Amino acid sequence: MEENLRNQEQEMSFKEAFEAYESETGDLRAGEIVKGRIIGYNTSEVFVDLGYKSDGTIPLEEFLDDPDFDLKRI
């Protein structure tokens, strides 16, 4: 019984730690401008590391008008 209580306390601690992590990192919102690092591309998308659990994808066509964008530098 005492062991079950200790396990529940550990679970609560993990839950609290996870909630604190989520509040520190925040959530992305549609239309929000964020910085990231381009990590790859294919014929239609650019893959961006935003520092979150998943990478972001941006349609390649959004970069075509940017004179500073050069696929050879990736």
PDB file of N, CA and C in Angstrom:
ATOM      1  N   MET A   1       0.828  -1.196   0.000  1.00  0.00           N
ATOM      2  CA  MET A   1       0.000   0.000   0.000  1.00  0.00           C
ATOM      3  C   MET A   1       0.866   1.251   0.000  1.00  0.00           C
ATOM      4  N   GLU A   2       1.876   1.255   0.873  1.00  0.00           N
ATOM      5  CA  GLU A   2       2.778   2.416   0.948  1.00  0.00           C
ATOM      6  C   GLU A   2       3.511   2.620  -0.382  1.00  0.00           C
ATOM      7  N   GLU A   3       3.875   1.508  -1.017  1.00  0.00           N
ATOM      8  CA  GLU A   3       4.549   1.596  -2.316  1.00  0.00           C
ATOM      9  C   GLU A   3       3.629   2.223  -3.361  1.00  0.00           C
ATOM     10  N   ASN A   4       2.353   1.885  -3.340  1.00  0.00           N
ATOM     11  CA  ASN A   4       1.393   2.484  -4.263  1.00  0.00           C
ATOM     12  C   ASN A   4       1.297   3.989  -4.053  1.00  0.00           C
ATOM     13  N   LEU A   5       1.316   4.422  -2.807  1.00  0.00           N
ATOM     14  CA  LEU A   5       1.267   5.857  -2.520  1.00  0.00           C
ATOM     15  C   LEU A   5       2.507   6.554  -3.059  1.00  0.00           C
ATOM     16  N   ARG A   6       3.679   5.933  -2.888  1.00  0.00           N
ATOM     17  CA  ARG A   6       4.913   6.530  -3.412  1.00  0.00           C
ATOM     18  C   ARG A   6       4.858   6.607  -4.935  1.00  0.00           C
ATOM     19  N   ASN A   7       4.336   5.571  -5.595  1.00  0.00           N
ATOM     20  CA  ASN A   7       4.208   5.586  -7.057  1.00  0.00           C
ATOM     21  C   ASN A   7       3.268   6.698  -7.504  1.00  0.00           C
ATOM     22  N   GLN A   8       2.171   6.900  -6.784  1.00  0.00           N
ATOM     23  CA  GLN A   8       1.251   7.978  -7.119  1.00  0.00           C
ATOM     24  C   GLN A   8       1.928   9.331  -6.951  1.00  0.00           C
ATOM     25  N   GLU A   9       2.748   9.490  -5.908  1.00  0.00           N
ATOM     26  CA  GLU A   9       3.465  10.746  -5.707  1.00  0.00           C
ATOM     27  C   GLU A   9       4.440  10.987  -6.854  1.00  0.00           C
ATOM     28  N   GLN A  10       5.113   9.937  -7.317  1.00  0.00           N
ATOM     29  CA  GLN A  10       6.028  10.077  -8.440  1.00  0.00           C
ATOM     30  C   GLN A  10       5.274  10.453  -9.710  1.00  0.00           C
ATOM     31  N   GLU A  11       4.121   9.854  -9.927  1.00  0.00           N
ATOM     32  CA  GLU A  11       3.317  10.180 -11.096  1.00  0.00           C
ATOM     33  C   GLU A  11       2.874  11.637 -11.042  1.00  0.00           C
ATOM     34  N   MET A  12       2.488  12.103  -9.889  1.00  0.00           N
ATOM     35  CA  MET A  12       2.090  13.499  -9.739  1.00  0.00           C
ATOM     36  C   MET A  12       3.276  14.405 -10.029  1.00  0.00           C
ATOM     37  N   SER A  13       4.446  14.029  -9.567  1.00  0.00           N
ATOM     38  CA  SER A  13       5.636  14.832  -9.815  1.00  0.00           C
ATOM     39  C   SER A  13       5.925  14.896 -11.312  1.00  0.00           C
ATOM     40  N   PHE A  14       5.790  13.760 -11.993  1.00  0.00           N
ATOM     41  CA  PHE A  14       5.997  13.757 -13.437  1.00  0.00           C
ATOM     42  C   PHE A  14       4.963  14.639 -14.124  1.00  0.00           C
ATOM     43  N   LYS A  15       3.706  14.521 -13.692  1.00  0.00           N
ATOM     44  CA  LYS A  15       2.636  15.329 -14.278  1.00  0.00           C
ATOM     45  C   LYS A  15       2.939  16.812 -14.083  1.00  0.00           C
ATOM     46  N   GLU A  16       3.356  17.187 -12.910  1.00  0.00           N
ATOM     47  CA  GLU A  16       3.683  18.594 -12.641  1.00  0.00           C
ATOM     48  C   GLU A  16       4.851  19.052 -13.496  1.00  0.00           C
ATOM     49  N   ALA A  17       5.864  18.191 -13.634  1.00  0.00           N
ATOM     50  CA  ALA A  17       7.024  18.544 -14.456  1.00  0.00           C
ATOM     51  C   ALA A  17       6.617  18.714 -15.910  1.00  0.00           C
ATOM     52  N   PHE A  18       5.763  17.830 -16.402  1.00  0.00           N
ATOM     53  CA  PHE A  18       5.304  17.911 -17.790  1.00  0.00           C
ATOM     54  C   PHE A  18       4.500  19.181 -18.032  1.00  0.00           C
ATOM     55  N   GLU A  19       3.610  19.514 -17.106  1.00  0.00           N
ATOM     56  CA  GLU A  19       2.814  20.738 -17.238  1.00  0.00           C
ATOM     57  C   GLU A  19       3.710  21.975 -17.210  1.00  0.00           C
ATOM     58  N   ALA A  20       4.736  21.959 -16.371  1.00  0.00           N
ATOM     59  CA  ALA A  20       5.673  23.082 -16.321  1.00  0.00           C
ATOM     60  C   ALA A  20       6.423  23.201 -17.645  1.00  0.00           C
ATOM     61  N   TYR A  21       6.825  22.059 -18.225  1.00  0.00           N
ATOM     62  CA  TYR A  21       7.518  22.067 -19.509  1.00  0.00           C
ATOM     63  C   TYR A  21       6.620  22.638 -20.600  1.00  0.00           C
ATOM     64  N   GLU A  22       5.370  22.203 -20.625  1.00  0.00           N
ATOM     65  CA  GLU A  22       4.433  22.706 -21.635  1.00  0.00           C
ATOM     66  C   GLU A  22       4.232  24.204 -21.508  1.00  0.00           C
ATOM     67  N   SER A  23       4.137  24.708 -20.291  1.00  0.00           N
ATOM     68  CA  SER A  23       3.902  26.141 -20.117  1.00  0.00           C
ATOM     69  C   SER A  23       5.132  26.953 -20.505  1.00  0.00           C
ATOM     70  N   GLU A  24       6.336  26.376 -20.354  1.00  0.00           N
ATOM     71  CA  GLU A  24       7.561  27.078 -20.743  1.00  0.00           C
ATOM     72  C   GLU A  24       7.710  27.131 -22.253  1.00  0.00           C
ATOM     73  N   THR A  25       7.392  26.037 -22.936  1.00  0.00           N
ATOM     74  CA  THR A  25       7.584  25.991 -24.381  1.00  0.00           C
ATOM     75  C   THR A  25       6.446  26.662 -25.130  1.00  0.00           C
ATOM     76  N   GLY A  26       5.280  26.688 -24.556  1.00  0.00           N
ATOM     77  CA  GLY A  26       4.143  27.325 -25.198  1.00  0.00           C
ATOM     78  C   GLY A  26       3.614  26.521 -26.373  1.00  0.00           C
ATOM     79  N   ASP A  27       2.607  27.040 -27.000  1.00  0.00           N
ATOM     80  CA  ASP A  27       2.000  26.387 -28.157  1.00  0.00           C
ATOM     81  C   ASP A  27       2.117  27.303 -29.366  1.00  0.00           C
ATOM     82  N   LEU A  28       2.268  26.707 -30.526  1.00  0.00           N
ATOM     83  CA  LEU A  28       2.277  27.480 -31.761  1.00  0.00           C
ATOM     84  C   LEU A  28       0.847  27.809 -32.135  1.00  0.00           C
ATOM     85  N   ARG A  29       0.662  28.990 -32.694  1.00  0.00           N
ATOM     86  CA  ARG A  29      -0.667  29.415 -33.140  1.00  0.00           C
ATOM     87  C   ARG A  29      -0.605  29.756 -34.621  1.00  0.00           C
ATOM     88  N   ALA A  30      -1.689  29.540 -35.313  1.00  0.00           N
ATOM     89  CA  ALA A  30      -1.757  29.849 -36.735  1.00  0.00           C
ATOM     90  C   ALA A  30      -1.445  31.327 -36.954  1.00  0.00           C
ATOM     91  N   GLY A  31      -0.590  31.615 -37.920  1.00  0.00           N
ATOM     92  CA  GLY A  31      -0.231  32.985 -38.252  1.00  0.00           C
ATOM     93  C   GLY A  31       0.917  33.546 -37.432  1.00  0.00           C
ATOM     94  N   GLU A  32       1.344  32.820 -36.411  1.00  0.00           N
ATOM     95  CA  GLU A  32       2.444  33.283 -35.562  1.00  0.00           C
ATOM     96  C   GLU A  32       3.769  33.118 -36.302  1.00  0.00           C
ATOM     97  N   ILE A  33       4.654  34.096 -36.176  1.00  0.00           N
ATOM     98  CA  ILE A  33       5.971  34.030 -36.801  1.00  0.00           C
ATOM     99  C   ILE A  33       6.963  33.506 -35.769  1.00  0.00           C
ATOM    100  N   VAL A  34       7.652  32.421 -36.121  1.00  0.00           N
ATOM    101  CA  VAL A  34       8.636  31.812 -35.233  1.00  0.00           C
ATOM    102  C   VAL A  34       9.923  31.556 -36.013  1.00  0.00           C
ATOM    103  N   LYS A  35      11.013  31.386 -35.299  1.00  0.00           N
ATOM    104  CA  LYS A  35      12.292  31.077 -35.934  1.00  0.00           C
ATOM    105  C   LYS A  35      12.538  29.578 -35.849  1.00  0.00           C
ATOM    106  N   GLY A  36      13.210  29.051 -36.863  1.00  0.00           N
ATOM    107  CA  GLY A  36      13.548  27.642 -36.906  1.00  0.00           C
ATOM    108  C   GLY A  36      14.768  27.443 -37.786  1.00  0.00           C
ATOM    109  N   ARG A  37      15.220  26.209 -37.858  1.00  0.00           N
ATOM    110  CA  ARG A  37      16.395  25.866 -38.654  1.00  0.00           C
ATOM    111  C   ARG A  37      15.959  24.902 -39.740  1.00  0.00           C
ATOM    112  N   ILE A  38      16.266  25.230 -40.989  1.00  0.00           N
ATOM    113  CA  ILE A  38      15.923  24.354 -42.113  1.00  0.00           C
ATOM    114  C   ILE A  38      16.785  23.103 -42.016  1.00  0.00           C
ATOM    115  N   ILE A  39      16.123  21.947 -42.010  1.00  0.00           N
ATOM    116  CA  ILE A  39      16.857  20.691 -41.876  1.00  0.00           C
ATOM    117  C   ILE A  39      16.771  19.814 -43.119  1.00  0.00           C
ATOM    118  N   GLY A  40      15.971  20.209 -44.091  1.00  0.00           N
ATOM    119  CA  GLY A  40      15.874  19.440 -45.319  1.00  0.00           C
ATOM    120  C   GLY A  40      14.771  19.949 -46.215  1.00  0.00           C
ATOM    121  N   TYR A  41      14.674  19.335 -47.379  1.00  0.00           N
ATOM    122  CA  TYR A  41      13.632  19.720 -48.336  1.00  0.00           C
ATOM    123  C   TYR A  41      13.433  18.597 -49.332  1.00  0.00           C
ATOM    124  N   ASN A  42      12.323  18.659 -50.038  1.00  0.00           N
ATOM    125  CA  ASN A  42      12.083  17.777 -51.176  1.00  0.00           C
ATOM    126  C   ASN A  42      11.530  18.652 -52.299  1.00  0.00           C
ATOM    127  N   THR A  43      10.888  18.078 -53.283  1.00  0.00           N
ATOM    128  CA  THR A  43      10.436  18.870 -54.429  1.00  0.00           C
ATOM    129  C   THR A  43       9.259  19.779 -54.112  1.00  0.00           C
ATOM    130  N   SER A  44       8.618  19.594 -52.969  1.00  0.00           N
ATOM    131  CA  SER A  44       7.442  20.412 -52.673  1.00  0.00           C
ATOM    132  C   SER A  44       7.425  21.052 -51.289  1.00  0.00           C
ATOM    133  N   GLU A  45       8.311  20.621 -50.379  1.00  0.00           N
ATOM    134  CA  GLU A  45       8.268  21.135 -49.010  1.00  0.00           C
ATOM    135  C   GLU A  45       9.655  21.395 -48.444  1.00  0.00           C
ATOM    136  N   VAL A  46       9.701  22.294 -47.476  1.00  0.00           N
ATOM    137  CA  VAL A  46      10.910  22.550 -46.704  1.00  0.00           C
ATOM    138  C   VAL A  46      10.610  22.107 -45.275  1.00  0.00           C
ATOM    139  N   PHE A  47      11.533  21.363 -44.673  1.00  0.00           N
ATOM    140  CA  PHE A  47      11.347  20.849 -43.318  1.00  0.00           C
ATOM    141  C   PHE A  47      12.147  21.711 -42.350  1.00  0.00           C
ATOM    142  N   VAL A  48      11.488  22.140 -41.270  1.00  0.00           N
ATOM    143  CA  VAL A  48      12.082  23.096 -40.346  1.00  0.00           C
ATOM    144  C   VAL A  48      12.041  22.549 -38.924  1.00  0.00           C
ATOM    145  N   ASP A  49      13.194  22.605 -38.243  1.00  0.00           N
ATOM    146  CA  ASP A  49      13.260  22.241 -36.828  1.00  0.00           C
ATOM    147  C   ASP A  49      12.898  23.484 -36.027  1.00  0.00           C
ATOM    148  N   LEU A  50      11.776  23.405 -35.321  1.00  0.00           N
ATOM    149  CA  LEU A  50      11.297  24.531 -34.524  1.00  0.00           C
ATOM    150  C   LEU A  50      11.589  24.354 -33.043  1.00  0.00           C
ATOM    151  N   GLY A  51      12.260  23.253 -32.698  1.00  0.00           N
ATOM    152  CA  GLY A  51      12.551  22.988 -31.307  1.00  0.00           C
ATOM    153  C   GLY A  51      11.398  22.341 -30.562  1.00  0.00           C
ATOM    154  N   TYR A  52      10.440  21.812 -31.283  1.00  0.00           N
ATOM    155  CA  TYR A  52       9.299  21.123 -30.690  1.00  0.00           C
ATOM    156  C   TYR A  52       9.400  19.636 -30.980  1.00  0.00           C
ATOM    157  N   LYS A  53       8.435  18.888 -30.548  1.00  0.00           N
ATOM    158  CA  LYS A  53       8.441  17.443 -30.717  1.00  0.00           C
ATOM    159  C   LYS A  53       8.446  17.049 -32.195  1.00  0.00           C
ATOM    160  N   SER A  54       7.738  17.778 -33.014  1.00  0.00           N
ATOM    161  CA  SER A  54       7.668  17.495 -34.443  1.00  0.00           C
ATOM    162  C   SER A  54       8.288  18.638 -35.230  1.00  0.00           C
ATOM    163  N   ASP A  55       8.772  18.302 -36.421  1.00  0.00           N
ATOM    164  CA  ASP A  55       9.307  19.327 -37.312  1.00  0.00           C
ATOM    165  C   ASP A  55       8.172  20.012 -38.045  1.00  0.00           C
ATOM    166  N   GLY A  56       8.417  21.221 -38.495  1.00  0.00           N
ATOM    167  CA  GLY A  56       7.440  21.937 -39.284  1.00  0.00           C
ATOM    168  C   GLY A  56       7.670  21.711 -40.764  1.00  0.00           C
ATOM    169  N   THR A  57       6.636  21.869 -41.564  1.00  0.00           N
ATOM    170  CA  THR A  57       6.767  21.797 -43.020  1.00  0.00           C
ATOM    171  C   THR A  57       6.169  23.062 -43.620  1.00  0.00           C
ATOM    172  N   ILE A  58       6.874  23.587 -44.605  1.00  0.00           N
ATOM    173  CA  ILE A  58       6.440  24.798 -45.294  1.00  0.00           C
ATOM    174  C   ILE A  58       6.474  24.495 -46.787  1.00  0.00           C
ATOM    175  N   PRO A  59       5.421  24.844 -47.507  1.00  0.00           N
ATOM    176  CA  PRO A  59       5.452  24.617 -48.954  1.00  0.00           C
ATOM    177  C   PRO A  59       6.637  25.356 -49.592  1.00  0.00           C
ATOM    178  N   LEU A  60       7.358  24.686 -50.469  1.00  0.00           N
ATOM    179  CA  LEU A  60       8.535  25.254 -51.117  1.00  0.00           C
ATOM    180  C   LEU A  60       8.208  26.548 -51.850  1.00  0.00           C
ATOM    181  N   GLU A  61       7.021  26.642 -52.405  1.00  0.00           N
ATOM    182  CA  GLU A  61       6.641  27.828 -53.172  1.00  0.00           C
ATOM    183  C   GLU A  61       6.657  29.108 -52.323  1.00  0.00           C
ATOM    184  N   GLU A  62       6.542  28.981 -51.007  1.00  0.00           N
ATOM    185  CA  GLU A  62       6.597  30.167 -50.151  1.00  0.00           C
ATOM    186  C   GLU A  62       7.993  30.787 -50.107  1.00  0.00           C
ATOM    187  N   PHE A  63       9.011  30.041 -50.521  1.00  0.00           N
ATOM    188  CA  PHE A  63      10.379  30.541 -50.509  1.00  0.00           C
ATOM    189  C   PHE A  63      10.837  31.079 -51.867  1.00  0.00           C
ATOM    190  N   LEU A  64      10.089  30.815 -52.922  1.00  0.00           N
ATOM    191  CA  LEU A  64      10.559  31.130 -54.267  1.00  0.00           C
ATOM    192  C   LEU A  64      10.759  32.619 -54.523  1.00  0.00           C
ATOM    193  N   ASP A  65      10.025  33.482 -53.846  1.00  0.00           N
ATOM    194  CA  ASP A  65      10.177  34.922 -54.044  1.00  0.00           C
ATOM    195  C   ASP A  65      11.252  35.543 -53.157  1.00  0.00           C
ATOM    196  N   ASP A  66      11.869  34.760 -52.275  1.00  0.00           N
ATOM    197  CA  ASP A  66      12.888  35.267 -51.361  1.00  0.00           C
ATOM    198  C   ASP A  66      14.256  35.181 -52.035  1.00  0.00           C
ATOM    199  N   PRO A  67      14.894  36.327 -52.344  1.00  0.00           N
ATOM    200  CA  PRO A  67      16.183  36.295 -53.037  1.00  0.00           C
ATOM    201  C   PRO A  67      17.303  35.706 -52.176  1.00  0.00           C
ATOM    202  N   ASP A  68      17.143  35.676 -50.859  1.00  0.00           N
ATOM    203  CA  ASP A  68      18.175  35.138 -49.969  1.00  0.00           C
ATOM    204  C   ASP A  68      18.075  33.622 -49.800  1.00  0.00           C
ATOM    205  N   PHE A  69      16.995  33.011 -50.278  1.00  0.00           N
ATOM    206  CA  PHE A  69      16.808  31.576 -50.121  1.00  0.00           C
ATOM    207  C   PHE A  69      17.570  30.846 -51.204  1.00  0.00           C
ATOM    208  N   ASP A  70      18.457  29.942 -50.804  1.00  0.00           N
ATOM    209  CA  ASP A  70      19.275  29.193 -51.745  1.00  0.00           C
ATOM    210  C   ASP A  70      19.312  27.729 -51.296  1.00  0.00           C
ATOM    211  N   LEU A  71      18.696  26.838 -52.072  1.00  0.00           N
ATOM    212  CA  LEU A  71      18.646  25.428 -51.711  1.00  0.00           C
ATOM    213  C   LEU A  71      20.038  24.805 -51.594  1.00  0.00           C
ATOM    214  N   LYS A  72      21.002  25.350 -52.285  1.00  0.00           N
ATOM    215  CA  LYS A  72      22.353  24.791 -52.247  1.00  0.00           C
ATOM    216  C   LYS A  72      23.023  24.998 -50.889  1.00  0.00           C
ATOM    217  N   ARG A  73      22.553  25.976 -50.121  1.00  0.00           N
ATOM    218  CA  ARG A  73      23.152  26.242 -48.802  1.00  0.00           C
ATOM    219  C   ARG A  73      22.588  25.337 -47.709  1.00  0.00           C
ATOM    220  N   ILE A  74      21.545  24.609 -48.000  1.00  0.00           N
ATOM    221  CA  ILE A  74      20.909  23.772 -46.971  1.00  0.00           C
ATOM    222  C   ILE A  74      21.718  22.523 -46.760  1.00  0.00           C
TER     223      ILE A  74
END
